[in-house]
Amino acid sequence: MRVIAKSSLVKFWELPGHEDAKAALESWHDMALKAIWRTPQDLKDQIGNASICGKNRVVSTSGGTSIGLWSRCSIEPVLPG
């Protein structure tokens, strides 16, 4: 998966009162960079609390349940060959 803007995550955890989100968001970022999701179910298998919300949007929690993370994913089928 390609992450477009890690800077948005950094801006969030640098806000006063959100410093504790850094480890969870960095972990999500590292996982997302390595992810190969061919179907929405692949994503749900890896991120058990993910909900596919339509229009390529996914919501999940990170850092326990304290951080709600909205993301946009475009899952393209892998063509044989």
Protein backbone atom coordinates (compact mmCIF):
# COMPACT_ATOMS: atom_id res chain seq x y z
CA MET A 1 0.00 0.00 0.00
CA ARG A 2 1.16 3.53 -0.66
CA VAL A 3 0.68 6.03 2.15
CA ILE A 4 0.13 9.50 0.73
CA ALA A 5 0.75 11.75 3.74
CA LYS A 6 2.47 10.56 6.88
CA SER A 7 2.68 14.26 7.70
CA SER A 8 -1.03 14.22 8.65
CA LEU A 9 -0.30 11.57 11.27
CA VAL A 10 2.69 13.51 12.57
CA LYS A 11 0.66 16.73 12.82
CA PHE A 12 -1.93 14.87 14.90
CA TRP A 13 0.47 13.31 17.42
CA GLU A 14 2.33 16.62 17.77
CA LEU A 15 -0.86 18.34 18.98
CA PRO A 16 -0.94 18.98 22.72
CA GLY A 17 -2.67 16.07 24.44
CA HIS A 18 -2.13 13.60 21.58
CA GLU A 19 1.50 12.65 22.17
CA ASP A 20 0.44 9.18 23.34
CA ALA A 21 -0.89 8.46 19.83
CA LYS A 22 2.59 8.48 18.25
CA ALA A 23 3.51 4.83 18.84
CA ALA A 24 0.13 3.49 17.66
CA LEU A 25 0.08 5.65 14.53
CA GLU A 26 3.69 4.84 13.66
CA SER A 27 2.84 1.16 14.03
CA TRP A 28 -0.19 1.56 11.73
CA HIS A 29 1.95 3.45 9.21
CA ASP A 30 4.65 0.74 9.17
CA MET A 31 2.02 -1.99 8.78
CA ALA A 32 0.24 -0.13 5.98
CA LEU A 33 3.47 0.39 4.01
CA LYS A 34 4.11 -3.37 4.03
CA ALA A 35 0.51 -4.40 3.37
CA ILE A 36 -0.63 -6.20 0.25
CA TRP A 37 -4.42 -6.15 0.26
CA ARG A 38 -6.05 -7.65 -2.81
CA THR A 39 -9.57 -7.59 -1.42
CA PRO A 40 -11.40 -5.72 1.34
CA GLN A 41 -11.44 -9.00 3.26
CA ASP A 42 -7.61 -9.08 3.19
CA LEU A 43 -7.65 -5.70 4.91
CA LYS A 44 -10.19 -6.87 7.50
CA ASP A 45 -8.16 -10.02 8.14
CA GLN A 46 -5.13 -7.90 9.01
CA ILE A 47 -6.97 -5.09 10.80
CA GLY A 48 -9.70 -6.92 12.66
CA ASN A 49 -11.56 -3.81 13.78
CA ALA A 50 -11.61 -2.19 10.32
CA SER A 51 -14.95 -1.30 8.82
CA ILE A 52 -15.32 -0.74 5.09
CA CYS A 53 -17.56 2.33 4.81
CA GLY A 54 -17.99 2.72 1.06
CA LYS A 55 -16.30 4.98 -1.47
CA ASN A 56 -12.99 3.32 -0.56
CA ARG A 57 -13.12 4.58 3.03
CA VAL A 58 -12.03 2.53 6.01
CA VAL A 59 -12.35 3.33 9.69
CA SER A 60 -10.43 1.51 12.39
CA THR A 61 -9.18 2.14 15.88
CA SER A 62 -5.58 2.29 16.92
CA GLY A 63 -3.96 2.45 20.33
CA GLY A 64 -6.73 0.48 22.00
CA THR A 65 -9.92 2.35 21.23
CA SER A 66 -8.64 5.84 21.90
CA ILE A 67 -7.75 6.77 18.31
CA GLY A 68 -10.21 6.55 15.43
CA LEU A 69 -8.38 6.41 12.13
CA TRP A 70 -10.17 7.17 8.87
CA SER A 71 -8.31 6.25 5.74
CA ARG A 72 -9.02 5.95 2.06
CA CYS A 73 -7.93 2.76 0.37
CA SER A 74 -8.10 1.85 -3.25
CA ILE A 75 -7.84 -1.92 -3.52
CA GLU A 76 -7.01 -2.91 -7.05
CA PRO A 77 -7.38 -6.54 -8.09
CA VAL A 78 -4.11 -8.16 -9.07
CA LEU A 79 -4.27 -9.38 -12.65
CA PRO A 80 -2.64 -12.69 -13.49
CA GLY A 81 0.47 -12.75 -15.54
